[in-house]
Each structure stands twice: as C-alpha cells, then as structure tokens.
Protein backbone atom coordinates (compact mmCIF):
# COMPACT_ATOMS: atom_id res chain seq x y z
CA UNK A 1 11.91 32.94 -9.56
CA UNK A 2 12.93 30.53 -6.76
CA UNK A 3 13.51 26.91 -7.63
CA UNK A 4 10.58 24.63 -6.86
CA UNK A 5 11.29 22.38 -3.86
CA UNK A 6 8.27 20.07 -4.03
CA UNK A 7 5.28 19.25 -6.19
CA UNK A 8 1.99 21.05 -5.50
CA UNK A 9 -0.92 19.24 -3.88
CA UNK A 10 -2.74 19.07 -7.23
CA UNK A 11 0.34 17.58 -8.91
CA UNK A 12 0.68 15.08 -6.06
CA UNK A 13 -2.97 14.11 -6.57
CA UNK A 14 -2.27 13.55 -10.27
CA UNK A 15 0.65 11.25 -9.40
CA UNK A 16 -1.47 9.47 -6.79
CA UNK A 17 -4.16 8.68 -9.38
CA UNK A 18 -1.51 7.32 -11.75
CA UNK A 19 0.07 5.18 -9.02
CA UNK A 20 -3.25 3.81 -7.74
CA UNK A 21 -4.14 2.72 -11.30
CA UNK A 22 -0.75 1.06 -11.78
CA UNK A 23 -1.07 -0.58 -8.37
CA UNK A 24 -4.43 -2.14 -9.26
CA UNK A 25 -3.03 -3.56 -12.50
CA UNK A 26 0.08 -4.84 -10.72
CA UNK A 27 -2.00 -6.59 -8.06
CA UNK A 28 -4.12 -8.23 -10.77
CA UNK A 29 -0.95 -9.50 -12.46
CA UNK A 30 0.42 -10.78 -9.16
CA UNK A 31 -2.84 -12.65 -8.52
CA UNK A 32 -2.53 -14.25 -11.96
CA UNK A 33 1.03 -15.43 -11.25
CA UNK A 34 -0.03 -16.78 -7.85
CA UNK A 35 -2.91 -18.60 -9.52
CA UNK A 36 -0.48 -20.26 -11.93
CA UNK A 37 1.69 -21.36 -9.00
CA UNK A 38 -1.25 -22.61 -6.93
CA UNK A 39 -3.05 -24.38 -9.74
CA UNK A 40 -3.47 -28.06 -9.10
CA UNK A 41 -2.78 -30.72 -11.68
CA UNK A 42 -5.77 -29.73 -13.85
CA UNK A 43 -3.94 -30.58 -17.03
CA UNK A 44 -2.36 -33.77 -15.84
CA UNK A 45 -0.15 -35.82 -18.11
CA UNK A 46 -1.04 -39.13 -16.46
CA UNK A 47 -2.59 -40.58 -19.63
CA UNK A 48 0.16 -39.39 -21.99
CA UNK A 49 2.94 -41.41 -23.57
CA UNK A 50 6.16 -41.30 -21.47
CA UNK A 51 8.14 -39.15 -23.94
CA UNK A 52 5.43 -36.53 -24.23
CA UNK A 53 4.78 -36.70 -20.49
CA UNK A 54 8.41 -35.82 -19.76
CA UNK A 55 8.31 -32.88 -22.20
CA UNK A 56 4.98 -31.68 -20.81
CA UNK A 57 6.22 -31.84 -17.20
CA UNK A 58 9.39 -29.97 -18.19
CA UNK A 59 7.33 -27.19 -19.77
CA UNK A 60 5.12 -27.08 -16.69
CA UNK A 61 8.11 -26.69 -14.35
CA UNK A 62 9.52 -23.97 -16.59
CA UNK A 63 6.17 -22.19 -16.58
CA UNK A 64 5.95 -22.34 -12.78
CA UNK A 65 9.53 -21.09 -12.42
CA UNK A 66 8.80 -18.20 -14.76
CA UNK A 67 5.57 -17.39 -12.88
CA UNK A 68 7.49 -17.48 -9.60
CA UNK A 69 10.16 -15.13 -10.92
CA UNK A 70 7.62 -12.74 -12.43
CA UNK A 71 5.51 -12.89 -9.27
CA UNK A 72 8.50 -11.94 -7.10
CA UNK A 73 9.31 -9.06 -9.44
CA UNK A 74 5.68 -7.91 -9.40
CA UNK A 75 5.65 -8.05 -5.59
CA UNK A 76 8.68 -5.77 -5.44
CA UNK A 77 7.03 -3.37 -7.91
CA UNK A 78 3.87 -3.29 -5.75
CA UNK A 79 5.96 -2.56 -2.66
CA UNK A 80 7.72 0.32 -4.46
CA UNK A 81 4.39 1.78 -5.62
CA UNK A 82 2.98 1.57 -2.09
CA UNK A 83 6.06 3.37 -0.75
CA UNK A 84 5.53 6.06 -3.41
CA UNK A 85 1.98 6.57 -2.09
CA UNK A 86 3.41 7.07 1.41
CA UNK A 87 5.81 9.69 0.04
CA UNK A 88 2.85 11.45 -1.58
CA UNK A 89 1.04 11.54 1.76
CA UNK A 90 4.22 12.89 3.41
CA UNK A 91 4.60 15.42 0.56
CA UNK A 92 8.12 14.17 -0.11
CA UNK A 93 7.21 12.45 -3.39
CA UNK A 94 9.33 13.40 -6.38
CA UNK A 95 12.32 14.63 -4.40
CA UNK A 96 15.58 12.91 -5.32
CA UNK A 97 16.96 11.07 -2.30
CA UNK A 98 20.54 11.92 -3.26
CA UNK A 99 20.43 15.49 -4.55
CA UNK A 100 17.22 16.77 -2.89
CA UNK A 101 16.22 18.22 -6.30
CA UNK A 102 12.86 17.55 -7.90
CA UNK A 103 12.72 14.52 -10.15
CA UNK A 104 11.32 15.59 -13.52
CA UNK A 105 7.60 15.15 -14.01
CA UNK A 106 8.27 13.22 -17.23
CA UNK A 107 10.42 10.70 -15.36
CA UNK A 108 7.81 10.26 -12.63
CA UNK A 109 5.06 9.74 -15.21
CA UNK A 110 7.16 6.95 -16.75
CA UNK A 111 8.58 5.52 -13.52
CA UNK A 112 6.20 6.68 -10.78
CA UNK A 113 8.14 4.92 -8.01
CA UNK A 114 11.46 6.59 -8.92
CA UNK A 115 13.44 7.98 -5.99
CA UNK A 116 16.41 9.29 -7.99
CA UNK A 117 16.61 12.04 -10.57
CA UNK A 118 18.19 11.15 -13.91
CA UNK A 119 21.56 12.70 -12.97
CA UNK A 120 21.76 10.70 -9.73
CA UNK A 121 20.63 7.53 -11.49
CA UNK A 122 23.24 7.91 -14.24
CA UNK A 123 26.03 8.67 -11.75
CA UNK A 124 25.43 5.27 -10.09
CA UNK A 125 26.42 3.34 -13.22
C-alpha cells in the first residue's frame, strides 16, 4: 500500500474543529491578559500606609509584567493556530516542512500547530 502523502478532507475537518476551539479559548485568554494590562487604578493604594503601598505597587507591576509576557506568548500561539488553519485550507496541513512526511495524528492532536514531525523536531536539538 502506498504511503499516505496528506490527510483526507474528513481528517482535515477534524483538525479544523480542534484548532477553531483552541483558537477561541486562546483569544479569550488574550483578552483577559489585555484587560489586566488596560485596567485603570481600580484598586489604588493611595490610602494605604507607605510600606504596604510600596509592596502593593511592586506586586501590581509584577502582575502587569507577567500579563504582558503571557499575552505576547498567547498572541504568538494564536498566530500559529491561524497559520495552521490556512494550511488546512491549502491541504498542506500535517506535512512536515523538513521531511515532507506526514506528522503523526497523535502529535497534531496534542500540538495542532506543529509543522515538524517528531524526528525533525528531535534532530534540531
């Protein structure tokens, strides 16, 4: 039996459903991080003792930095998922960009935006 060169249309539809669901969740998370960054001084420390005010402001800065970092990471994840949807439309989804072999279905179910098969990924280390 000849080796499979691409996923069937029904398999691509299955991956598309998975990716669309992950994309919705990722966009919700990104909106939450952006909300944290855009939030005004609702919980101001203006009426707090100086020592506690300094600690509270430090925690707030740390929280905003963490939200910024996580938001940037989430944005990159969203971009990768959107590119995976384009590959599905082009019927090139699931094909390793280095070896041209099919990426295993198990890997794509775990990492739906993967562009490398396990062998290619491990050889890059």
